[in-house]
Amino acid sequence: MNWTFENFKPALDNLTPQVREKAVKIAHKLMEQGGISEERAIQQAIVRAEEWFYNSEG
């Protein structure tokens, strides 16, 4: 299943395109694993994507 996370578009719009793309990928993985709501998945995904971005920038 391909989740669109449309309800969370405002939260995603505040991210850079690179971080947004990573957050959506992470959220999709979390949803595939199951046991998590879309809201929680996108929240966790945003945090992880931002961490990924800051770590990759050195």
N, C-alpha and C. Protein backbone atom coordinates (compact mmCIF):
# COMPACT_ATOMS: atom_id res chain seq x y z
N MET A 1 0.85 -1.19 0.00
CA MET A 1 0.00 0.00 0.00
C MET A 1 0.88 1.23 0.00
N ASN A 2 0.45 2.24 -0.71
CA ASN A 2 1.22 3.48 -0.81
C ASN A 2 0.47 4.59 -0.06
N TRP A 3 0.97 4.96 1.10
CA TRP A 3 0.34 6.00 1.90
C TRP A 3 0.74 7.36 1.35
N THR A 4 -0.20 8.30 1.36
CA THR A 4 0.07 9.63 0.83
C THR A 4 0.31 10.65 1.93
N PHE A 5 -0.17 10.37 3.13
CA PHE A 5 0.01 11.26 4.27
C PHE A 5 -0.53 12.66 3.98
N GLU A 6 -1.61 12.74 3.23
CA GLU A 6 -2.20 14.04 2.86
C GLU A 6 -2.60 14.86 4.08
N ASN A 7 -3.05 14.21 5.15
CA ASN A 7 -3.45 14.94 6.34
C ASN A 7 -2.27 15.66 7.01
N PHE A 8 -1.07 15.27 6.65
CA PHE A 8 0.12 15.82 7.28
C PHE A 8 0.91 16.73 6.33
N LYS A 9 0.28 17.11 5.23
CA LYS A 9 0.95 17.94 4.23
C LYS A 9 1.53 19.23 4.83
N PRO A 10 0.82 19.95 5.70
CA PRO A 10 1.42 21.16 6.28
C PRO A 10 2.73 20.89 7.02
N ALA A 11 2.80 19.79 7.75
CA ALA A 11 4.04 19.46 8.47
C ALA A 11 5.15 19.15 7.49
N LEU A 12 4.82 18.47 6.40
CA LEU A 12 5.83 18.12 5.40
C LEU A 12 6.25 19.32 4.57
N ASP A 13 5.35 20.26 4.36
CA ASP A 13 5.66 21.45 3.56
C ASP A 13 6.73 22.32 4.19
N ASN A 14 6.89 22.22 5.50
CA ASN A 14 7.89 23.04 6.19
C ASN A 14 9.30 22.48 6.07
N LEU A 15 9.43 21.32 5.46
CA LEU A 15 10.74 20.68 5.32
C LEU A 15 11.36 21.00 3.97
N THR A 16 12.68 20.89 3.90
CA THR A 16 13.34 21.04 2.61
C THR A 16 12.94 19.84 1.75
N PRO A 17 13.01 19.98 0.44
CA PRO A 17 12.61 18.86 -0.43
C PRO A 17 13.36 17.56 -0.12
N GLN A 18 14.63 17.66 0.17
CA GLN A 18 15.45 16.49 0.47
C GLN A 18 14.98 15.80 1.75
N VAL A 19 14.72 16.57 2.79
CA VAL A 19 14.28 16.02 4.07
C VAL A 19 12.85 15.49 3.93
N ARG A 20 12.00 16.20 3.18
CA ARG A 20 10.62 15.76 2.97
C ARG A 20 10.59 14.39 2.29
N GLU A 21 11.40 14.23 1.26
CA GLU A 21 11.45 12.96 0.54
C GLU A 21 11.89 11.83 1.47
N LYS A 22 12.91 12.09 2.27
CA LYS A 22 13.41 11.09 3.21
C LYS A 22 12.35 10.76 4.26
N ALA A 23 11.65 11.78 4.75
CA ALA A 23 10.62 11.57 5.77
C ALA A 23 9.48 10.70 5.23
N VAL A 24 9.08 10.93 4.00
CA VAL A 24 8.01 10.13 3.41
C VAL A 24 8.47 8.68 3.25
N LYS A 25 9.71 8.48 2.84
CA LYS A 25 10.23 7.12 2.70
C LYS A 25 10.26 6.41 4.06
N ILE A 26 10.71 7.11 5.08
CA ILE A 26 10.76 6.53 6.41
C ILE A 26 9.35 6.22 6.91
N ALA A 27 8.43 7.14 6.71
CA ALA A 27 7.05 6.94 7.15
C ALA A 27 6.43 5.73 6.45
N HIS A 28 6.71 5.58 5.17
CA HIS A 28 6.19 4.41 4.44
C HIS A 28 6.72 3.13 5.05
N LYS A 29 8.00 3.10 5.37
CA LYS A 29 8.59 1.90 5.99
C LYS A 29 7.93 1.61 7.34
N LEU A 30 7.73 2.64 8.13
CA LEU A 30 7.11 2.46 9.43
C LEU A 30 5.68 1.91 9.28
N MET A 31 4.94 2.41 8.31
CA MET A 31 3.57 1.95 8.09
C MET A 31 3.56 0.50 7.61
N GLU A 32 4.53 0.13 6.78
CA GLU A 32 4.62 -1.24 6.30
C GLU A 32 4.91 -2.21 7.43
N GLN A 33 5.69 -1.76 8.41
CA GLN A 33 6.02 -2.61 9.55
C GLN A 33 4.79 -2.82 10.43
N GLY A 34 3.88 -1.87 10.40
CA GLY A 34 2.63 -2.00 11.15
C GLY A 34 2.75 -1.62 12.61
N GLY A 35 1.60 -1.59 13.26
CA GLY A 35 1.58 -1.29 14.69
C GLY A 35 1.77 0.17 15.03
N ILE A 36 1.56 1.06 14.06
CA ILE A 36 1.77 2.48 14.28
C ILE A 36 0.73 3.24 13.46
N SER A 37 0.25 4.34 14.00
CA SER A 37 -0.72 5.16 13.28
C SER A 37 0.01 6.04 12.26
N GLU A 38 -0.73 6.53 11.28
CA GLU A 38 -0.13 7.43 10.29
C GLU A 38 0.45 8.66 10.98
N GLU A 39 -0.28 9.19 11.95
CA GLU A 39 0.18 10.39 12.66
C GLU A 39 1.52 10.14 13.35
N ARG A 40 1.62 9.04 14.06
CA ARG A 40 2.87 8.72 14.77
C ARG A 40 3.99 8.41 13.78
N ALA A 41 3.65 7.73 12.70
CA ALA A 41 4.66 7.39 11.68
C ALA A 41 5.26 8.66 11.08
N ILE A 42 4.43 9.63 10.74
CA ILE A 42 4.97 10.84 10.11
C ILE A 42 5.75 11.67 11.13
N GLN A 43 5.30 11.68 12.39
CA GLN A 43 6.05 12.41 13.42
C GLN A 43 7.45 11.82 13.59
N GLN A 44 7.51 10.51 13.72
CA GLN A 44 8.80 9.85 13.88
C GLN A 44 9.65 10.02 12.62
N ALA A 45 9.02 9.93 11.48
CA ALA A 45 9.75 10.03 10.22
C ALA A 45 10.38 11.42 10.05
N ILE A 46 9.66 12.44 10.44
CA ILE A 46 10.20 13.80 10.33
C ILE A 46 11.43 13.95 11.22
N VAL A 47 11.34 13.46 12.44
CA VAL A 47 12.48 13.55 13.37
C VAL A 47 13.68 12.79 12.80
N ARG A 48 13.44 11.57 12.34
CA ARG A 48 14.53 10.75 11.80
C ARG A 48 15.12 11.36 10.54
N ALA A 49 14.29 11.92 9.69
CA ALA A 49 14.78 12.54 8.45
C ALA A 49 15.62 13.78 8.75
N GLU A 50 15.18 14.56 9.72
CA GLU A 50 15.97 15.74 10.11
C GLU A 50 17.31 15.31 10.70
N GLU A 51 17.30 14.27 11.53
CA GLU A 51 18.55 13.75 12.08
C GLU A 51 19.46 13.26 10.97
N TRP A 52 18.89 12.53 10.02
CA TRP A 52 19.65 12.04 8.87
C TRP A 52 20.29 13.20 8.12
N PHE A 53 19.53 14.24 7.89
CA PHE A 53 20.03 15.40 7.15
C PHE A 53 21.17 16.07 7.90
N TYR A 54 20.99 16.33 9.18
CA TYR A 54 22.04 16.99 9.96
C TYR A 54 23.29 16.13 10.07
N ASN A 55 23.11 14.83 10.20
CA ASN A 55 24.27 13.92 10.26
C ASN A 55 24.99 13.83 8.93
N SER A 56 24.27 13.91 7.83
CA SER A 56 24.89 13.81 6.52
C SER A 56 25.59 15.11 6.13
N GLU A 57 25.19 16.20 6.74
CA GLU A 57 25.82 17.50 6.45
C GLU A 57 27.14 17.66 7.21
N GLY A 58 27.40 16.78 8.17
CA GLY A 58 28.66 16.82 8.90
C GLY A 58 28.59 17.75 10.02
